[in-house]
Amino acid sequence: MKHIYRYLSGTKSLALTFGGIEKGLEGYTDADGASQEHHRAISSYTYLLNGGAVSWASCKQELVMLSTAEAEYVAATHAAKEGLWL
């Protein structure tokens, strides 16, 4: 207990900073194709605001895609919906 109080009193002036550079909202998305044994692509996206992650997701796509390009389009669609919401 003493260690916890010592740690808290020693770090009370420290703070986490968010970002640091005014970059605005940036988004990244990708899909791995159908390399998984279940033949469904894994979609993922990440949104950064001034360098700090504010939204991210990774999930298995609901349908079996016929091509890697189709899997990328589905991933981009899900990322775009999140980007519009943000």
C-alpha atoms as a PDB file:
ATOM      1  CA  MET A   1       0.000   0.000   0.000  1.00  0.00           C
ATOM      2  CA  LYS A   2       2.861   2.372   0.811  1.00  0.00           C
ATOM      3  CA  HIS A   3       4.377   1.678  -2.604  1.00  0.00           C
ATOM      4  CA  ILE A   4       1.111   2.611  -4.339  1.00  0.00           C
ATOM      5  CA  TYR A   5       0.779   5.891  -2.422  1.00  0.00           C
ATOM      6  CA  ARG A   6       4.426   6.720  -3.077  1.00  0.00           C
ATOM      7  CA  TYR A   7       3.924   6.056  -6.783  1.00  0.00           C
ATOM      8  CA  LEU A   8       0.750   8.175  -6.942  1.00  0.00           C
ATOM      9  CA  SER A   9       2.272  11.097  -5.057  1.00  0.00           C
ATOM     10  CA  GLY A  10       5.376  10.989  -7.254  1.00  0.00           C
ATOM     11  CA  THR A  11       3.434  10.956 -10.525  1.00  0.00           C
ATOM     12  CA  LYS A  12       0.556  13.346  -9.801  1.00  0.00           C
ATOM     13  CA  SER A  13       2.181  16.127 -11.846  1.00  0.00           C
ATOM     14  CA  LEU A  14       2.549  13.878 -14.927  1.00  0.00           C
ATOM     15  CA  ALA A  15      -0.119  13.676 -17.617  1.00  0.00           C
ATOM     16  CA  LEU A  16      -0.737  11.870 -20.866  1.00  0.00           C
ATOM     17  CA  THR A  17      -0.691  14.099 -23.913  1.00  0.00           C
ATOM     18  CA  PHE A  18      -2.906  13.438 -26.886  1.00  0.00           C
ATOM     19  CA  GLY A  19      -1.186  13.772 -30.226  1.00  0.00           C
ATOM     20  CA  GLY A  20       1.166  16.706 -30.294  1.00  0.00           C
ATOM     21  CA  ILE A  21       0.977  17.662 -33.963  1.00  0.00           C
ATOM     22  CA  GLU A  22      -2.202  19.023 -35.547  1.00  0.00           C
ATOM     23  CA  LYS A  23      -2.720  16.425 -38.288  1.00  0.00           C
ATOM     24  CA  GLY A  24      -6.486  16.128 -38.111  1.00  0.00           C
ATOM     25  CA  LEU A  25      -8.322  12.859 -38.694  1.00  0.00           C
ATOM     26  CA  GLU A  26      -6.457  10.074 -40.549  1.00  0.00           C
ATOM     27  CA  GLY A  27      -7.849   6.652 -41.400  1.00  0.00           C
ATOM     28  CA  TYR A  28      -6.237   3.369 -42.433  1.00  0.00           C
ATOM     29  CA  THR A  29      -7.894   0.150 -43.549  1.00  0.00           C
ATOM     30  CA  ASP A  30      -6.844  -3.285 -44.788  1.00  0.00           C
ATOM     31  CA  ALA A  31      -8.164  -6.786 -45.416  1.00  0.00           C
ATOM     32  CA  ASP A  32      -6.110  -9.976 -45.470  1.00  0.00           C
ATOM     33  CA  GLY A  33      -8.002 -11.680 -48.309  1.00  0.00           C
ATOM     34  CA  ALA A  34      -9.175 -15.227 -47.780  1.00  0.00           C
ATOM     35  CA  SER A  35      -5.984 -16.728 -46.386  1.00  0.00           C
ATOM     36  CA  GLN A  36      -7.770 -18.004 -43.274  1.00  0.00           C
ATOM     37  CA  GLU A  37      -9.004 -21.596 -43.050  1.00  0.00           C
ATOM     38  CA  HIS A  38     -12.627 -20.389 -42.842  1.00  0.00           C
ATOM     39  CA  HIS A  39     -12.151 -18.573 -46.219  1.00  0.00           C
ATOM     40  CA  ARG A  40     -13.452 -15.289 -44.856  1.00  0.00           C
ATOM     41  CA  ALA A  41     -11.351 -12.168 -44.974  1.00  0.00           C
ATOM     42  CA  ILE A  42     -10.385 -10.274 -41.846  1.00  0.00           C
ATOM     43  CA  SER A  43     -11.150  -6.547 -42.138  1.00  0.00           C
ATOM     44  CA  SER A  44      -9.559  -3.904 -39.973  1.00  0.00           C
ATOM     45  CA  TYR A  45      -9.423  -0.131 -39.735  1.00  0.00           C
ATOM     46  CA  THR A  46      -7.853   2.479 -37.501  1.00  0.00           C
ATOM     47  CA  TYR A  47      -8.602   6.194 -37.188  1.00  0.00           C
ATOM     48  CA  LEU A  48      -6.073   8.573 -35.705  1.00  0.00           C
ATOM     49  CA  LEU A  49      -6.791  12.090 -34.467  1.00  0.00           C
ATOM     50  CA  ASN A  50      -3.625  14.184 -34.250  1.00  0.00           C
ATOM     51  CA  GLY A  51      -1.558  11.001 -34.028  1.00  0.00           C
ATOM     52  CA  GLY A  52      -3.598   9.225 -31.328  1.00  0.00           C
ATOM     53  CA  ALA A  53      -5.882   6.285 -32.072  1.00  0.00           C
ATOM     54  CA  VAL A  54      -9.546   7.167 -31.450  1.00  0.00           C
ATOM     55  CA  SER A  55     -11.332   4.310 -33.235  1.00  0.00           C
ATOM     56  CA  TRP A  56     -10.268   0.878 -34.426  1.00  0.00           C
ATOM     57  CA  ALA A  57     -11.770  -2.495 -35.259  1.00  0.00           C
ATOM     58  CA  SER A  58     -10.833  -5.885 -36.630  1.00  0.00           C
ATOM     59  CA  CYS A  59     -13.424  -8.484 -37.549  1.00  0.00           C
ATOM     60  CA  LYS A  60     -14.153 -11.416 -39.810  1.00  0.00           C
ATOM     61  CA  GLN A  61     -16.201 -10.475 -42.857  1.00  0.00           C
ATOM     62  CA  GLU A  62     -19.673 -12.008 -42.966  1.00  0.00           C
ATOM     63  CA  LEU A  63     -19.508 -13.350 -46.522  1.00  0.00           C
ATOM     64  CA  VAL A  64     -16.991 -15.434 -48.426  1.00  0.00           C
ATOM     65  CA  MET A  65     -15.416 -13.074 -50.962  1.00  0.00           C
ATOM     66  CA  LEU A  66     -14.631 -14.118 -54.516  1.00  0.00           C
ATOM     67  CA  SER A  67     -11.447 -12.036 -54.746  1.00  0.00           C
ATOM     68  CA  THR A  68      -8.989 -10.113 -52.621  1.00  0.00           C
ATOM     69  CA  ALA A  69     -10.114  -6.882 -54.290  1.00  0.00           C
ATOM     70  CA  GLU A  70     -13.706  -7.536 -53.201  1.00  0.00           C
ATOM     71  CA  ALA A  71     -12.518  -8.103 -49.618  1.00  0.00           C
ATOM     72  CA  GLU A  72     -10.620  -4.798 -49.757  1.00  0.00           C
ATOM     73  CA  TYR A  73     -13.736  -2.978 -51.026  1.00  0.00           C
ATOM     74  CA  VAL A  74     -15.835  -4.385 -48.181  1.00  0.00           C
ATOM     75  CA  ALA A  75     -13.176  -3.363 -45.646  1.00  0.00           C
ATOM     76  CA  ALA A  76     -13.017   0.136 -47.149  1.00  0.00           C
ATOM     77  CA  THR A  77     -16.815   0.424 -46.969  1.00  0.00           C
ATOM     78  CA  HIS A  78     -16.868  -0.415 -43.250  1.00  0.00           C
ATOM     79  CA  ALA A  79     -14.006   2.020 -42.609  1.00  0.00           C
ATOM     80  CA  ALA A  80     -15.771   4.762 -44.585  1.00  0.00           C
ATOM     81  CA  LYS A  81     -18.955   4.315 -42.535  1.00  0.00           C
ATOM     82  CA  GLU A  82     -16.939   4.755 -39.349  1.00  0.00           C
ATOM     83  CA  GLY A  83     -15.146   7.765 -40.832  1.00  0.00           C
ATOM     84  CA  LEU A  84     -18.452   9.442 -41.664  1.00  0.00           C
ATOM     85  CA  TRP A  85     -19.659   8.833 -38.128  1.00  0.00           C
ATOM     86  CA  LEU A  86     -16.461  10.345 -36.681  1.00  0.00           C
END
